[in-house]
């Protein structure tokens, strides 16, 4: 459906077309799984802190702490860790 060079670029364009530029969706990263608590809540704040290179405490209720390393690697592979312009 999307180009092979940057498959997420098409998704960004789709969000802008459906929701509008106000959504401010510029970058995306495909990961195999998201960090969740044992009750199923996604740890969005922790992922944001990883992307912003902020210190975070390992959540006690995380189902698999290795997921955070996977997300860090995925963000780093696309140079999305730290301030994004």
PDB file of N, CA and C in Angstrom:
ATOM      1  N   UNK A   1       0.816  -1.186   0.000  1.00  0.00           N
ATOM      2  CA  UNK A   1       0.000   0.000   0.000  1.00  0.00           C
ATOM      3  C   UNK A   1       0.866   1.258   0.000  1.00  0.00           C
ATOM      4  N   UNK A   2       1.948   1.263   0.793  1.00  0.00           N
ATOM      5  CA  UNK A   2       2.829   2.412   0.861  1.00  0.00           C
ATOM      6  C   UNK A   2       4.132   2.068   0.179  1.00  0.00           C
ATOM      7  N   UNK A   3       4.915   3.097  -0.157  1.00  0.00           N
ATOM      8  CA  UNK A   3       6.182   2.890  -0.842  1.00  0.00           C
ATOM      9  C   UNK A   3       7.171   2.095  -0.019  1.00  0.00           C
ATOM     10  N   UNK A   4       8.063   1.385  -0.722  1.00  0.00           N
ATOM     11  CA  UNK A   4       9.052   0.565  -0.032  1.00  0.00           C
ATOM     12  C   UNK A   4      10.151   1.407   0.595  1.00  0.00           C
ATOM     13  N   UNK A   5      10.469   2.558   0.012  1.00  0.00           N
ATOM     14  CA  UNK A   5      11.553   3.390   0.534  1.00  0.00           C
ATOM     15  C   UNK A   5      11.232   3.891   1.940  1.00  0.00           C
ATOM     16  N   UNK A   6      10.049   4.369   2.171  1.00  0.00           N
ATOM     17  CA  UNK A   6       9.625   4.843   3.485  1.00  0.00           C
ATOM     18  C   UNK A   6       8.150   4.515   3.659  1.00  0.00           C
ATOM     19  N   UNK A   7       7.851   3.312   4.122  1.00  0.00           N
ATOM     20  CA  UNK A   7       6.455   2.893   4.224  1.00  0.00           C
ATOM     21  C   UNK A   7       5.638   3.733   5.196  1.00  0.00           C
ATOM     22  N   UNK A   8       6.271   4.371   6.158  1.00  0.00           N
ATOM     23  CA  UNK A   8       5.530   5.171   7.123  1.00  0.00           C
ATOM     24  C   UNK A   8       5.154   6.546   6.582  1.00  0.00           C
ATOM     25  N   UNK A   9       5.829   6.985   5.526  1.00  0.00           N
ATOM     26  CA  UNK A   9       5.511   8.288   4.943  1.00  0.00           C
ATOM     27  C   UNK A   9       4.066   8.309   4.442  1.00  0.00           C
ATOM     28  N   UNK A  10       3.634   7.218   3.846  1.00  0.00           N
ATOM     29  CA  UNK A  10       2.254   7.123   3.379  1.00  0.00           C
ATOM     30  C   UNK A  10       1.262   7.170   4.525  1.00  0.00           C
ATOM     31  N   UNK A  11       1.624   6.595   5.652  1.00  0.00           N
ATOM     32  CA  UNK A  11       0.741   6.630   6.815  1.00  0.00           C
ATOM     33  C   UNK A  11       0.623   8.047   7.361  1.00  0.00           C
ATOM     34  N   UNK A  12       1.726   8.779   7.365  1.00  0.00           N
ATOM     35  CA  UNK A  12       1.693  10.175   7.802  1.00  0.00           C
ATOM     36  C   UNK A  12       0.765  10.968   6.889  1.00  0.00           C
ATOM     37  N   UNK A  13       0.879  10.758   5.586  1.00  0.00           N
ATOM     38  CA  UNK A  13       0.022  11.455   4.626  1.00  0.00           C
ATOM     39  C   UNK A  13      -1.440  11.073   4.819  1.00  0.00           C
ATOM     40  N   UNK A  14      -1.701   9.808   5.126  1.00  0.00           N
ATOM     41  CA  UNK A  14      -3.068   9.349   5.349  1.00  0.00           C
ATOM     42  C   UNK A  14      -3.680  10.026   6.572  1.00  0.00           C
ATOM     43  N   UNK A  15      -2.930  10.119   7.657  1.00  0.00           N
ATOM     44  CA  UNK A  15      -3.431  10.784   8.866  1.00  0.00           C
ATOM     45  C   UNK A  15      -3.721  12.246   8.576  1.00  0.00           C
ATOM     46  N   UNK A  16      -2.823  12.913   7.862  1.00  0.00           N
ATOM     47  CA  UNK A  16      -3.048  14.322   7.532  1.00  0.00           C
ATOM     48  C   UNK A  16      -4.282  14.498   6.639  1.00  0.00           C
ATOM     49  N   UNK A  17      -4.497  13.557   5.716  1.00  0.00           N
ATOM     50  CA  UNK A  17      -5.647  13.655   4.816  1.00  0.00           C
ATOM     51  C   UNK A  17      -6.958  13.406   5.562  1.00  0.00           C
ATOM     52  N   UNK A  18      -6.968  12.429   6.457  1.00  0.00           N
ATOM     53  CA  UNK A  18      -8.205  12.055   7.160  1.00  0.00           C
ATOM     54  C   UNK A  18      -8.516  12.977   8.333  1.00  0.00           C
ATOM     55  N   UNK A  19      -7.488  13.366   9.096  1.00  0.00           N
ATOM     56  CA  UNK A  19      -7.700  14.160  10.302  1.00  0.00           C
ATOM     57  C   UNK A  19      -7.351  15.620  10.073  1.00  0.00           C
ATOM     58  N   UNK A  20      -6.349  15.865   9.256  1.00  0.00           N
ATOM     59  CA  UNK A  20      -5.897  17.220   8.990  1.00  0.00           C
ATOM     60  C   UNK A  20      -4.518  17.452   9.571  1.00  0.00           C
ATOM     61  N   UNK A  21      -3.882  18.511   9.125  1.00  0.00           N
ATOM     62  CA  UNK A  21      -2.522  18.820   9.570  1.00  0.00           C
ATOM     63  C   UNK A  21      -2.472  19.131  11.057  1.00  0.00           C
ATOM     64  N   UNK A  22      -3.616  19.479  11.640  1.00  0.00           N
ATOM     65  CA  UNK A  22      -3.660  19.774  13.069  1.00  0.00           C
ATOM     66  C   UNK A  22      -3.246  18.560  13.900  1.00  0.00           C
ATOM     67  N   UNK A  23      -3.309  17.380  13.325  1.00  0.00           N
ATOM     68  CA  UNK A  23      -2.895  16.171  14.037  1.00  0.00           C
ATOM     69  C   UNK A  23      -1.398  16.193  14.318  1.00  0.00           C
ATOM     70  N   UNK A  24      -0.630  16.962  13.557  1.00  0.00           N
ATOM     71  CA  UNK A  24       0.813  17.140  13.747  1.00  0.00           C
ATOM     72  C   UNK A  24       1.570  15.817  13.768  1.00  0.00           C
ATOM     73  N   UNK A  25       1.140  14.865  12.989  1.00  0.00           N
ATOM     74  CA  UNK A  25       1.806  13.567  12.895  1.00  0.00           C
ATOM     75  C   UNK A  25       2.868  13.676  11.819  1.00  0.00           C
ATOM     76  N   UNK A  26       4.151  13.644  12.224  1.00  0.00           N
ATOM     77  CA  UNK A  26       5.238  13.821  11.274  1.00  0.00           C
ATOM     78  C   UNK A  26       6.067  12.569  11.084  1.00  0.00           C
ATOM     79  N   UNK A  27       6.238  11.795  12.142  1.00  0.00           N
ATOM     80  CA  UNK A  27       7.121  10.643  12.094  1.00  0.00           C
ATOM     81  C   UNK A  27       6.422   9.441  12.716  1.00  0.00           C
ATOM     82  N   UNK A  28       6.757   8.285  12.212  1.00  0.00           N
ATOM     83  CA  UNK A  28       6.225   7.053  12.779  1.00  0.00           C
ATOM     84  C   UNK A  28       7.287   5.977  12.772  1.00  0.00           C
ATOM     85  N   UNK A  29       7.146   5.046  13.678  1.00  0.00           N
ATOM     86  CA  UNK A  29       8.069   3.922  13.771  1.00  0.00           C
ATOM     87  C   UNK A  29       7.238   2.663  13.941  1.00  0.00           C
ATOM     88  N   UNK A  30       7.549   1.670  13.136  1.00  0.00           N
ATOM     89  CA  UNK A  30       6.854   0.395  13.260  1.00  0.00           C
ATOM     90  C   UNK A  30       7.604  -0.479  14.259  1.00  0.00           C
ATOM     91  N   UNK A  31       6.887  -0.950  15.263  1.00  0.00           N
ATOM     92  CA  UNK A  31       7.459  -1.868  16.245  1.00  0.00           C
ATOM     93  C   UNK A  31       6.573  -3.104  16.317  1.00  0.00           C
ATOM     94  N   UNK A  32       7.168  -4.210  16.728  1.00  0.00           N
ATOM     95  CA  UNK A  32       6.415  -5.462  16.776  1.00  0.00           C
ATOM     96  C   UNK A  32       5.410  -5.487  17.915  1.00  0.00           C
ATOM     97  N   UNK A  33       5.731  -4.794  19.005  1.00  0.00           N
ATOM     98  CA  UNK A  33       4.827  -4.796  20.150  1.00  0.00           C
ATOM     99  C   UNK A  33       5.041  -3.528  20.963  1.00  0.00           C
ATOM    100  N   UNK A  34       4.047  -3.199  21.775  1.00  0.00           N
ATOM    101  CA  UNK A  34       4.100  -2.018  22.622  1.00  0.00           C
ATOM    102  C   UNK A  34       4.223  -2.432  24.078  1.00  0.00           C
ATOM    103  N   UNK A  35       4.862  -1.586  24.897  1.00  0.00           N
ATOM    104  CA  UNK A  35       4.946  -1.916  26.317  1.00  0.00           C
ATOM    105  C   UNK A  35       3.586  -1.724  26.972  1.00  0.00           C
ATOM    106  N   UNK A  36       3.158  -2.728  27.667  1.00  0.00           N
ATOM    107  CA  UNK A  36       1.856  -2.670  28.330  1.00  0.00           C
ATOM    108  C   UNK A  36       1.995  -3.106  29.777  1.00  0.00           C
ATOM    109  N   UNK A  37       1.043  -2.637  30.564  1.00  0.00           N
ATOM    110  CA  UNK A  37       0.964  -3.117  31.932  1.00  0.00           C
ATOM    111  C   UNK A  37       0.304  -4.488  31.903  1.00  0.00           C
ATOM    112  N   UNK A  38       0.315  -5.140  33.017  1.00  0.00           N
ATOM    113  CA  UNK A  38      -0.334  -6.458  33.076  1.00  0.00           C
ATOM    114  C   UNK A  38      -1.834  -6.365  32.817  1.00  0.00           C
ATOM    115  N   UNK A  39      -2.409  -5.182  33.057  1.00  0.00           N
ATOM    116  CA  UNK A  39      -3.841  -5.003  32.805  1.00  0.00           C
ATOM    117  C   UNK A  39      -4.130  -4.576  31.369  1.00  0.00           C
ATOM    118  N   UNK A  40      -3.071  -4.363  30.559  1.00  0.00           N
ATOM    119  CA  UNK A  40      -3.267  -4.076  29.147  1.00  0.00           C
ATOM    120  C   UNK A  40      -3.134  -2.626  28.733  1.00  0.00           C
ATOM    121  N   UNK A  41      -2.830  -1.734  29.660  1.00  0.00           N
ATOM    122  CA  UNK A  41      -2.683  -0.323  29.306  1.00  0.00           C
ATOM    123  C   UNK A  41      -1.318  -0.088  28.656  1.00  0.00           C
ATOM    124  N   UNK A  42      -1.301   0.686  27.580  1.00  0.00           N
ATOM    125  CA  UNK A  42      -0.054   1.008  26.882  1.00  0.00           C
ATOM    126  C   UNK A  42       0.670   2.108  27.659  1.00  0.00           C
ATOM    127  N   UNK A  43       1.971   1.940  27.824  1.00  0.00           N
ATOM    128  CA  UNK A  43       2.781   2.885  28.591  1.00  0.00           C
ATOM    129  C   UNK A  43       3.265   4.019  27.691  1.00  0.00           C
ATOM    130  N   UNK A  44       2.343   4.879  27.269  1.00  0.00           N
ATOM    131  CA  UNK A  44       2.668   5.969  26.346  1.00  0.00           C
ATOM    132  C   UNK A  44       3.664   6.956  26.937  1.00  0.00           C
ATOM    133  N   UNK A  45       3.514   7.270  28.212  1.00  0.00           N
ATOM    134  CA  UNK A  45       4.417   8.226  28.848  1.00  0.00           C
ATOM    135  C   UNK A  45       5.855   7.740  28.866  1.00  0.00           C
ATOM    136  N   UNK A  46       6.036   6.452  29.105  1.00  0.00           N
ATOM    137  CA  UNK A  46       7.379   5.885  29.126  1.00  0.00           C
ATOM    138  C   UNK A  46       7.999   5.940  27.737  1.00  0.00           C
ATOM    139  N   UNK A  47       7.230   5.618  26.719  1.00  0.00           N
ATOM    140  CA  UNK A  47       7.730   5.683  25.341  1.00  0.00           C
ATOM    141  C   UNK A  47       8.098   7.126  24.989  1.00  0.00           C
ATOM    142  N   UNK A  48       7.285   8.084  25.409  1.00  0.00           N
ATOM    143  CA  UNK A  48       7.586   9.496  25.147  1.00  0.00           C
ATOM    144  C   UNK A  48       8.894   9.901  25.809  1.00  0.00           C
ATOM    145  N   UNK A  49       9.119   9.453  27.040  1.00  0.00           N
ATOM    146  CA  UNK A  49      10.366   9.786  27.737  1.00  0.00           C
ATOM    147  C   UNK A  49      11.571   9.170  27.032  1.00  0.00           C
ATOM    148  N   UNK A  50      11.425   7.968  26.506  1.00  0.00           N
ATOM    149  CA  UNK A  50      12.517   7.346  25.748  1.00  0.00           C
ATOM    150  C   UNK A  50      12.839   8.206  24.528  1.00  0.00           C
ATOM    151  N   UNK A  51      11.808   8.611  23.798  1.00  0.00           N
ATOM    152  CA  UNK A  51      12.008   9.417  22.588  1.00  0.00           C
ATOM    153  C   UNK A  51      12.619  10.775  22.910  1.00  0.00           C
ATOM    154  N   UNK A  52      12.264  11.340  24.058  1.00  0.00           N
ATOM    155  CA  UNK A  52      12.768  12.658  24.451  1.00  0.00           C
ATOM    156  C   UNK A  52      14.082  12.582  25.226  1.00  0.00           C
ATOM    157  N   UNK A  53      14.639  11.389  25.359  1.00  0.00           N
ATOM    158  CA  UNK A  53      15.889  11.142  26.082  1.00  0.00           C
ATOM    159  C   UNK A  53      15.797  11.681  27.514  1.00  0.00           C
ATOM    160  N   UNK A  54      14.712  11.343  28.177  1.00  0.00           N
ATOM    161  CA  UNK A  54      14.518  11.707  29.576  1.00  0.00           C
ATOM    162  C   UNK A  54      14.654  10.462  30.440  1.00  0.00           C
ATOM    163  N   UNK A  55      15.065  10.672  31.680  1.00  0.00           N
ATOM    164  CA  UNK A  55      15.130   9.555  32.614  1.00  0.00           C
ATOM    165  C   UNK A  55      13.722   9.057  32.906  1.00  0.00           C
ATOM    166  N   UNK A  56      13.598   7.757  33.075  1.00  0.00           N
ATOM    167  CA  UNK A  56      12.315   7.178  33.455  1.00  0.00           C
ATOM    168  C   UNK A  56      12.572   6.002  34.382  1.00  0.00           C
ATOM    169  N   UNK A  57      11.581   5.727  35.208  1.00  0.00           N
ATOM    170  CA  UNK A  57      11.657   4.568  36.090  1.00  0.00           C
ATOM    171  C   UNK A  57      10.988   3.403  35.379  1.00  0.00           C
ATOM    172  N   UNK A  58      11.589   2.229  35.504  1.00  0.00           N
ATOM    173  CA  UNK A  58      10.980   1.038  34.922  1.00  0.00           C
ATOM    174  C   UNK A  58       9.643   0.809  35.623  1.00  0.00           C
ATOM    175  N   UNK A  59       8.544   0.847  34.887  1.00  0.00           N
ATOM    176  CA  UNK A  59       7.242   0.629  35.518  1.00  0.00           C
ATOM    177  C   UNK A  59       7.175  -0.759  36.159  1.00  0.00           C
ATOM    178  N   UNK A  60       6.679  -0.803  37.379  1.00  0.00           N
ATOM    179  CA  UNK A  60       6.612  -2.069  38.114  1.00  0.00           C
ATOM    180  C   UNK A  60       5.656  -3.052  37.453  1.00  0.00           C
ATOM    181  N   UNK A  61       4.619  -2.541  36.823  1.00  0.00           N
ATOM    182  CA  UNK A  61       3.587  -3.420  36.279  1.00  0.00           C
ATOM    183  C   UNK A  61       3.792  -3.767  34.804  1.00  0.00           C
ATOM    184  N   UNK A  62       4.959  -3.467  34.233  1.00  0.00           N
ATOM    185  CA  UNK A  62       5.185  -3.758  32.817  1.00  0.00           C
ATOM    186  C   UNK A  62       5.223  -5.267  32.596  1.00  0.00           C
ATOM    187  N   UNK A  63       4.603  -5.713  31.507  1.00  0.00           N
ATOM    188  CA  UNK A  63       4.530  -7.160  31.262  1.00  0.00           C
ATOM    189  C   UNK A  63       5.852  -7.736  30.769  1.00  0.00           C
ATOM    190  N   UNK A  64       6.655  -6.961  30.003  1.00  0.00           N
ATOM    191  CA  UNK A  64       7.952  -7.440  29.521  1.00  0.00           C
ATOM    192  C   UNK A  64       8.895  -6.246  29.360  1.00  0.00           C
ATOM    193  N   UNK A  65       9.827  -6.055  30.292  1.00  0.00           N
ATOM    194  CA  UNK A  65      10.726  -4.898  30.236  1.00  0.00           C
ATOM    195  C   UNK A  65      11.602  -4.837  28.982  1.00  0.00           C
ATOM    196  N   UNK A  66      11.842  -5.952  28.317  1.00  0.00           N
ATOM    197  CA  UNK A  66      12.678  -5.955  27.112  1.00  0.00           C
ATOM    198  C   UNK A  66      12.055  -5.170  25.963  1.00  0.00           C
ATOM    199  N   UNK A  67      10.755  -4.968  26.017  1.00  0.00           N
ATOM    200  CA  UNK A  67      10.071  -4.206  24.968  1.00  0.00           C
ATOM    201  C   UNK A  67      10.633  -2.785  24.890  1.00  0.00           C
ATOM    202  N   UNK A  68      11.002  -2.216  26.028  1.00  0.00           N
ATOM    203  CA  UNK A  68      11.539  -0.850  26.027  1.00  0.00           C
ATOM    204  C   UNK A  68      12.858  -0.778  25.273  1.00  0.00           C
ATOM    205  N   UNK A  69      13.678  -1.822  25.368  1.00  0.00           N
ATOM    206  CA  UNK A  69      14.923  -1.871  24.589  1.00  0.00           C
ATOM    207  C   UNK A  69      14.627  -1.957  23.096  1.00  0.00           C
ATOM    208  N   UNK A  70      13.594  -2.721  22.733  1.00  0.00           N
ATOM    209  CA  UNK A  70      13.205  -2.853  21.326  1.00  0.00           C
ATOM    210  C   UNK A  70      12.748  -1.504  20.770  1.00  0.00           C
ATOM    211  N   UNK A  71      11.982  -0.772  21.557  1.00  0.00           N
ATOM    212  CA  UNK A  71      11.485   0.531  21.113  1.00  0.00           C
ATOM    213  C   UNK A  71      12.635   1.527  20.997  1.00  0.00           C
ATOM    214  N   UNK A  72      13.553   1.503  21.962  1.00  0.00           N
ATOM    215  CA  UNK A  72      14.723   2.379  21.903  1.00  0.00           C
ATOM    216  C   UNK A  72      15.525   2.106  20.636  1.00  0.00           C
ATOM    217  N   UNK A  73      15.715   0.841  20.307  1.00  0.00           N
ATOM    218  CA  UNK A  73      16.460   0.473  19.099  1.00  0.00           C
ATOM    219  C   UNK A  73      15.728   0.936  17.838  1.00  0.00           C
ATOM    220  N   UNK A  74      14.402   0.772  17.802  1.00  0.00           N
ATOM    221  CA  UNK A  74      13.622   1.181  16.632  1.00  0.00           C
ATOM    222  C   UNK A  74      13.672   2.693  16.441  1.00  0.00           C
ATOM    223  N   UNK A  75      13.561   3.447  17.526  1.00  0.00           N
ATOM    224  CA  UNK A  75      13.648   4.906  17.434  1.00  0.00           C
ATOM    225  C   UNK A  75      15.045   5.338  17.001  1.00  0.00           C
ATOM    226  N   UNK A  76      16.060   4.698  17.547  1.00  0.00           N
ATOM    227  CA  UNK A  76      17.433   5.027  17.188  1.00  0.00           C
ATOM    228  C   UNK A  76      17.745   4.718  15.735  1.00  0.00           C
ATOM    229  N   UNK A  77      17.185   3.630  15.212  1.00  0.00           N
ATOM    230  CA  UNK A  77      17.423   3.245  13.820  1.00  0.00           C
ATOM    231  C   UNK A  77      16.890   4.294  12.845  1.00  0.00           C
ATOM    232  N   UNK A  78      15.867   5.024  13.247  1.00  0.00           N
ATOM    233  CA  UNK A  78      15.298   6.079  12.395  1.00  0.00           C
ATOM    234  C   UNK A  78      15.720   7.476  12.851  1.00  0.00           C
ATOM    235  N   UNK A  79      16.720   7.537  13.737  1.00  0.00           N
ATOM    236  CA  UNK A  79      17.219   8.820  14.258  1.00  0.00           C
ATOM    237  C   UNK A  79      16.108   9.669  14.867  1.00  0.00           C
ATOM    238  N   UNK A  80      15.224   9.030  15.628  1.00  0.00           N
ATOM    239  CA  UNK A  80      14.101   9.739  16.233  1.00  0.00           C
ATOM    240  C   UNK A  80      14.229   9.868  17.744  1.00  0.00           C
ATOM    241  N   UNK A  81      15.419   9.687  18.266  1.00  0.00           N
ATOM    242  CA  UNK A  81      15.622   9.871  19.699  1.00  0.00           C
ATOM    243  C   UNK A  81      16.211  11.254  19.902  1.00  0.00           C
ATOM    244  N   UNK A  82      15.581  12.028  20.759  1.00  0.00           N
ATOM    245  CA  UNK A  82      16.022  13.394  21.016  1.00  0.00           C
ATOM    246  C   UNK A  82      15.137  14.383  20.290  1.00  0.00           C
ATOM    247  N   UNK A  83      15.505  15.651  20.296  1.00  0.00           N
ATOM    248  CA  UNK A  83      14.672  16.675  19.650  1.00  0.00           C
ATOM    249  C   UNK A  83      14.519  16.412  18.156  1.00  0.00           C
ATOM    250  N   UNK A  84      13.292  16.511  17.686  1.00  0.00           N
ATOM    251  CA  UNK A  84      13.003  16.284  16.267  1.00  0.00           C
ATOM    252  C   UNK A  84      12.587  17.611  15.650  1.00  0.00           C
ATOM    253  N   UNK A  85      13.183  17.903  14.521  1.00  0.00           N
ATOM    254  CA  UNK A  85      12.855  19.166  13.845  1.00  0.00           C
ATOM    255  C   UNK A  85      11.969  18.913  12.658  1.00  0.00           C
TER     256      UNK A  85
END
